[in-house]
Amino acid sequence: MSGGIARGRLAEERKAWRRNHPHGFVAKPETLPDGSVNLMTWHCTIPGKQGGWRPAITVKQILIGIQDLLDQPNPADPAQTDGYHLFIQNSVFNVTYKSAILAFMPPELYH
């Protein structure tokens, strides 16, 4: 049952991605020999500086890095202009942002 829900969600995400995605980023589902697509396996390209990626970087390190950025945003060095302006100027966004983080953060990680 959950596979159907996941596939439906991925199909919607794919439609949205095809309409609007960051320049240089590529995300395509696997194409099967019969021409159909496997939404559960994707081939992705993320642009970046040549040599900026090291195979020593693990998935765990990436996820912890994302969690750190969400937990302790750095407005002095914004990575995205729209998000920066929402974070700095919109107190409703800021409260919602913090609430969303706390809702998904395991209680043992609360500071």
N, C-alpha and C. Protein backbone atom coordinates (compact mmCIF):
# COMPACT_ATOMS: atom_id res chain seq x y z
N MET A 1 0.83 -1.20 0.00
CA MET A 1 0.00 0.00 0.00
C MET A 1 0.87 1.25 0.00
N SER A 2 1.89 1.30 0.87
CA SER A 2 2.72 2.51 0.96
C SER A 2 3.51 2.75 -0.33
N GLY A 3 3.82 1.67 -1.08
CA GLY A 3 4.51 1.85 -2.35
C GLY A 3 3.68 2.67 -3.32
N GLY A 4 2.36 2.47 -3.29
CA GLY A 4 1.47 3.24 -4.15
C GLY A 4 1.43 4.70 -3.75
N ILE A 5 1.44 4.95 -2.45
CA ILE A 5 1.45 6.33 -1.95
C ILE A 5 2.77 6.99 -2.35
N ALA A 6 3.87 6.28 -2.16
CA ALA A 6 5.19 6.83 -2.49
C ALA A 6 5.28 7.12 -3.99
N ARG A 7 4.81 6.19 -4.81
CA ARG A 7 4.88 6.40 -6.26
C ARG A 7 4.02 7.59 -6.69
N GLY A 8 2.85 7.72 -6.08
CA GLY A 8 1.99 8.87 -6.39
C GLY A 8 2.66 10.18 -6.03
N ARG A 9 3.27 10.20 -4.86
CA ARG A 9 3.98 11.41 -4.42
C ARG A 9 5.15 11.72 -5.35
N LEU A 10 5.92 10.68 -5.71
CA LEU A 10 7.06 10.89 -6.61
C LEU A 10 6.61 11.36 -7.99
N ALA A 11 5.48 10.85 -8.47
CA ALA A 11 4.96 11.28 -9.77
C ALA A 11 4.61 12.77 -9.72
N GLU A 12 3.99 13.22 -8.62
CA GLU A 12 3.67 14.64 -8.48
C GLU A 12 4.93 15.48 -8.38
N GLU A 13 5.90 15.00 -7.61
CA GLU A 13 7.17 15.73 -7.47
C GLU A 13 7.87 15.83 -8.84
N ARG A 14 7.80 14.75 -9.61
CA ARG A 14 8.44 14.76 -10.94
C ARG A 14 7.80 15.80 -11.85
N LYS A 15 6.46 15.89 -11.81
CA LYS A 15 5.76 16.89 -12.62
C LYS A 15 6.20 18.30 -12.23
N ALA A 16 6.25 18.54 -10.93
CA ALA A 16 6.66 19.87 -10.45
C ALA A 16 8.11 20.16 -10.84
N TRP A 17 8.97 19.16 -10.72
CA TRP A 17 10.39 19.32 -11.07
C TRP A 17 10.55 19.66 -12.54
N ARG A 18 9.79 18.98 -13.39
CA ARG A 18 9.92 19.21 -14.83
C ARG A 18 9.46 20.61 -15.21
N ARG A 19 8.51 21.16 -14.46
CA ARG A 19 8.03 22.53 -14.73
C ARG A 19 9.01 23.58 -14.22
N ASN A 20 9.66 23.29 -13.09
CA ASN A 20 10.51 24.31 -12.48
C ASN A 20 11.57 23.64 -11.60
N HIS A 21 12.82 23.73 -12.01
CA HIS A 21 13.92 23.21 -11.20
C HIS A 21 15.15 24.09 -11.37
N PRO A 22 16.06 24.05 -10.41
CA PRO A 22 17.25 24.90 -10.50
C PRO A 22 18.10 24.56 -11.72
N HIS A 23 18.65 25.59 -12.34
CA HIS A 23 19.50 25.42 -13.52
C HIS A 23 20.69 24.51 -13.19
N GLY A 24 20.94 23.55 -14.06
CA GLY A 24 22.09 22.67 -13.91
C GLY A 24 21.81 21.40 -13.14
N PHE A 25 20.72 21.37 -12.36
CA PHE A 25 20.37 20.17 -11.61
C PHE A 25 19.58 19.24 -12.52
N VAL A 26 19.83 17.95 -12.41
CA VAL A 26 19.13 16.95 -13.21
C VAL A 26 18.63 15.86 -12.27
N ALA A 27 17.37 15.47 -12.45
CA ALA A 27 16.81 14.36 -11.69
C ALA A 27 15.83 13.63 -12.61
N LYS A 28 16.20 12.42 -13.00
CA LYS A 28 15.38 11.63 -13.92
C LYS A 28 15.18 10.24 -13.35
N PRO A 29 13.94 9.73 -13.41
CA PRO A 29 13.74 8.36 -12.97
C PRO A 29 14.35 7.38 -13.98
N GLU A 30 14.66 6.22 -13.49
CA GLU A 30 15.23 5.16 -14.35
C GLU A 30 14.22 4.78 -15.43
N THR A 31 14.70 4.61 -16.65
CA THR A 31 13.86 4.14 -17.75
C THR A 31 14.09 2.65 -17.91
N LEU A 32 13.01 1.89 -17.87
CA LEU A 32 13.09 0.43 -17.99
C LEU A 32 13.14 0.02 -19.46
N PRO A 33 13.58 -1.21 -19.75
CA PRO A 33 13.69 -1.66 -21.15
C PRO A 33 12.39 -1.53 -21.95
N ASP A 34 11.24 -1.65 -21.27
CA ASP A 34 9.96 -1.54 -21.99
C ASP A 34 9.53 -0.08 -22.22
N GLY A 35 10.36 0.88 -21.77
CA GLY A 35 10.06 2.29 -21.97
C GLY A 35 9.35 2.94 -20.80
N SER A 36 8.88 2.15 -19.85
CA SER A 36 8.23 2.73 -18.67
C SER A 36 9.30 3.27 -17.72
N VAL A 37 8.86 4.05 -16.73
CA VAL A 37 9.82 4.61 -15.78
C VAL A 37 9.65 3.98 -14.41
N ASN A 38 10.77 3.83 -13.72
CA ASN A 38 10.79 3.32 -12.36
C ASN A 38 10.98 4.52 -11.44
N LEU A 39 9.90 4.98 -10.82
CA LEU A 39 9.97 6.16 -9.98
C LEU A 39 10.72 5.91 -8.67
N MET A 40 11.08 4.67 -8.39
CA MET A 40 11.78 4.36 -7.15
C MET A 40 13.30 4.40 -7.31
N THR A 41 13.81 4.57 -8.55
CA THR A 41 15.25 4.69 -8.79
C THR A 41 15.49 5.90 -9.68
N TRP A 42 16.33 6.82 -9.20
CA TRP A 42 16.57 8.08 -9.90
C TRP A 42 18.04 8.25 -10.22
N HIS A 43 18.30 8.95 -11.32
CA HIS A 43 19.66 9.34 -11.71
C HIS A 43 19.71 10.86 -11.60
N CYS A 44 20.60 11.36 -10.77
CA CYS A 44 20.64 12.79 -10.48
C CYS A 44 22.02 13.38 -10.72
N THR A 45 22.03 14.66 -11.07
CA THR A 45 23.26 15.42 -11.23
C THR A 45 23.11 16.71 -10.43
N ILE A 46 24.11 17.00 -9.62
CA ILE A 46 24.11 18.21 -8.82
C ILE A 46 25.35 19.00 -9.22
N PRO A 47 25.16 20.23 -9.75
CA PRO A 47 26.33 20.99 -10.18
C PRO A 47 27.16 21.46 -8.99
N GLY A 48 28.40 21.70 -9.25
CA GLY A 48 29.28 22.20 -8.20
C GLY A 48 30.66 22.45 -8.75
N LYS A 49 31.51 22.98 -7.89
CA LYS A 49 32.87 23.26 -8.31
C LYS A 49 33.59 21.95 -8.62
N GLN A 50 34.42 21.99 -9.64
CA GLN A 50 35.22 20.82 -10.00
C GLN A 50 36.11 20.46 -8.81
N GLY A 51 36.06 19.22 -8.42
CA GLY A 51 36.88 18.76 -7.30
C GLY A 51 36.29 19.08 -5.94
N GLY A 52 35.08 19.66 -5.90
CA GLY A 52 34.46 20.02 -4.62
C GLY A 52 33.90 18.85 -3.86
N TRP A 53 33.70 17.75 -4.53
CA TRP A 53 33.14 16.56 -3.89
C TRP A 53 34.24 15.55 -3.64
N ARG A 54 34.24 15.01 -2.45
CA ARG A 54 35.21 13.96 -2.12
C ARG A 54 34.43 12.69 -1.79
N PRO A 55 34.87 11.55 -2.29
CA PRO A 55 34.17 10.31 -1.98
C PRO A 55 34.17 10.00 -0.49
N ALA A 56 35.02 10.67 0.26
CA ALA A 56 35.07 10.42 1.71
C ALA A 56 33.86 11.02 2.43
N ILE A 57 33.11 11.92 1.76
CA ILE A 57 31.92 12.50 2.37
C ILE A 57 30.83 11.44 2.35
N THR A 58 30.31 11.11 3.53
CA THR A 58 29.30 10.06 3.63
C THR A 58 27.89 10.65 3.63
N VAL A 59 26.92 9.81 3.39
CA VAL A 59 25.52 10.24 3.44
C VAL A 59 25.21 10.77 4.84
N LYS A 60 25.75 10.10 5.85
CA LYS A 60 25.53 10.54 7.23
C LYS A 60 26.04 11.97 7.42
N GLN A 61 27.23 12.27 6.89
CA GLN A 61 27.78 13.62 7.03
C GLN A 61 26.91 14.65 6.31
N ILE A 62 26.40 14.29 5.16
CA ILE A 62 25.52 15.20 4.41
C ILE A 62 24.26 15.48 5.22
N LEU A 63 23.64 14.43 5.74
CA LEU A 63 22.40 14.60 6.51
C LEU A 63 22.63 15.40 7.78
N ILE A 64 23.74 15.15 8.45
CA ILE A 64 24.06 15.92 9.66
C ILE A 64 24.31 17.38 9.29
N GLY A 65 24.97 17.62 8.15
CA GLY A 65 25.19 18.99 7.69
C GLY A 65 23.89 19.71 7.42
N ILE A 66 22.94 19.03 6.79
CA ILE A 66 21.63 19.62 6.52
C ILE A 66 20.92 19.92 7.83
N GLN A 67 20.97 18.95 8.75
CA GLN A 67 20.33 19.15 10.05
C GLN A 67 20.95 20.34 10.79
N ASP A 68 22.27 20.48 10.73
CA ASP A 68 22.95 21.61 11.37
C ASP A 68 22.49 22.94 10.76
N LEU A 69 22.36 22.98 9.43
CA LEU A 69 21.91 24.22 8.78
C LEU A 69 20.47 24.57 9.17
N LEU A 70 19.63 23.55 9.32
CA LEU A 70 18.25 23.80 9.74
C LEU A 70 18.18 24.22 11.20
N ASP A 71 19.01 23.59 12.02
CA ASP A 71 19.00 23.86 13.45
C ASP A 71 19.66 25.20 13.78
N GLN A 72 20.73 25.53 13.05
CA GLN A 72 21.48 26.76 13.32
C GLN A 72 21.73 27.51 12.00
N PRO A 73 20.69 28.15 11.46
CA PRO A 73 20.87 28.87 10.20
C PRO A 73 21.94 29.95 10.34
N ASN A 74 22.60 30.25 9.24
CA ASN A 74 23.65 31.26 9.25
C ASN A 74 23.24 32.42 8.34
N PRO A 75 22.48 33.38 8.87
CA PRO A 75 22.02 34.49 8.04
C PRO A 75 23.16 35.38 7.53
N ALA A 76 24.34 35.28 8.14
CA ALA A 76 25.47 36.08 7.68
C ALA A 76 26.03 35.57 6.35
N ASP A 77 25.69 34.33 5.98
CA ASP A 77 26.18 33.73 4.74
C ASP A 77 25.05 32.95 4.07
N PRO A 78 24.01 33.66 3.56
CA PRO A 78 22.85 32.96 3.01
C PRO A 78 23.17 32.19 1.73
N ALA A 79 22.57 31.02 1.62
CA ALA A 79 22.76 30.20 0.43
C ALA A 79 21.66 30.46 -0.60
N GLN A 80 20.54 31.03 -0.15
CA GLN A 80 19.42 31.25 -1.05
C GLN A 80 18.72 32.55 -0.67
N THR A 81 18.57 33.46 -1.60
CA THR A 81 18.06 34.80 -1.33
C THR A 81 16.63 34.79 -0.80
N ASP A 82 15.73 34.06 -1.46
CA ASP A 82 14.32 34.08 -1.04
C ASP A 82 14.17 33.56 0.38
N GLY A 83 14.80 32.43 0.66
CA GLY A 83 14.74 31.87 2.01
C GLY A 83 15.34 32.81 3.05
N TYR A 84 16.42 33.47 2.69
CA TYR A 84 17.09 34.42 3.58
C TYR A 84 16.13 35.55 3.96
N HIS A 85 15.47 36.13 2.95
CA HIS A 85 14.55 37.24 3.23
C HIS A 85 13.37 36.79 4.08
N LEU A 86 12.83 35.62 3.81
CA LEU A 86 11.75 35.10 4.65
C LEU A 86 12.23 34.91 6.08
N PHE A 87 13.39 34.33 6.24
CA PHE A 87 13.93 34.03 7.57
C PHE A 87 14.18 35.32 8.36
N ILE A 88 14.76 36.32 7.73
CA ILE A 88 15.14 37.56 8.42
C ILE A 88 13.94 38.48 8.65
N GLN A 89 13.07 38.61 7.65
CA GLN A 89 12.04 39.65 7.69
C GLN A 89 10.66 39.16 8.10
N ASN A 90 10.41 37.88 8.10
CA ASN A 90 9.06 37.39 8.31
C ASN A 90 8.99 36.57 9.59
N SER A 91 8.47 37.17 10.66
CA SER A 91 8.43 36.48 11.94
C SER A 91 7.48 35.29 11.92
N VAL A 92 6.40 35.35 11.13
CA VAL A 92 5.49 34.20 11.02
C VAL A 92 6.23 33.02 10.40
N PHE A 93 7.00 33.28 9.35
CA PHE A 93 7.80 32.22 8.74
C PHE A 93 8.77 31.65 9.76
N ASN A 94 9.42 32.52 10.52
CA ASN A 94 10.41 32.09 11.49
C ASN A 94 9.80 31.17 12.55
N VAL A 95 8.62 31.53 13.06
CA VAL A 95 7.94 30.69 14.05
C VAL A 95 7.54 29.37 13.42
N THR A 96 6.99 29.40 12.21
CA THR A 96 6.59 28.17 11.51
C THR A 96 7.79 27.29 11.24
N TYR A 97 8.88 27.89 10.83
CA TYR A 97 10.13 27.17 10.55
C TYR A 97 10.61 26.43 11.80
N LYS A 98 10.65 27.14 12.92
CA LYS A 98 11.10 26.52 14.17
C LYS A 98 10.15 25.42 14.62
N SER A 99 8.85 25.65 14.47
CA SER A 99 7.86 24.63 14.85
C SER A 99 8.02 23.37 14.02
N ALA A 100 8.27 23.55 12.72
CA ALA A 100 8.43 22.39 11.83
C ALA A 100 9.67 21.59 12.21
N ILE A 101 10.74 22.28 12.54
CA ILE A 101 11.96 21.57 12.95
C ILE A 101 11.71 20.78 14.22
N LEU A 102 11.09 21.40 15.20
CA LEU A 102 10.83 20.72 16.47
C LEU A 102 9.87 19.55 16.31
N ALA A 103 8.93 19.67 15.38
CA ALA A 103 7.96 18.59 15.17
C ALA A 103 8.62 17.32 14.65
N PHE A 104 9.71 17.46 13.89
CA PHE A 104 10.36 16.30 13.31
C PHE A 104 11.64 15.90 14.01
N MET A 105 12.09 16.70 14.96
CA MET A 105 13.34 16.41 15.65
C MET A 105 13.07 15.47 16.81
N PRO A 106 13.84 14.40 16.94
CA PRO A 106 13.68 13.50 18.08
C PRO A 106 13.90 14.27 19.39
N PRO A 107 13.09 14.00 20.42
CA PRO A 107 13.19 14.75 21.68
C PRO A 107 14.59 14.73 22.30
N GLU A 108 15.34 13.66 22.11
CA GLU A 108 16.67 13.59 22.72
C GLU A 108 17.65 14.58 22.09
N LEU A 109 17.29 15.17 20.95
CA LEU A 109 18.18 16.13 20.29
C LEU A 109 17.84 17.58 20.62
N TYR A 110 16.76 17.82 21.38
CA TYR A 110 16.41 19.20 21.73
C TYR A 110 17.54 19.80 22.53
N HIS A 111 17.80 21.05 22.28
CA HIS A 111 18.88 21.75 22.99
C HIS A 111 18.34 22.42 24.22
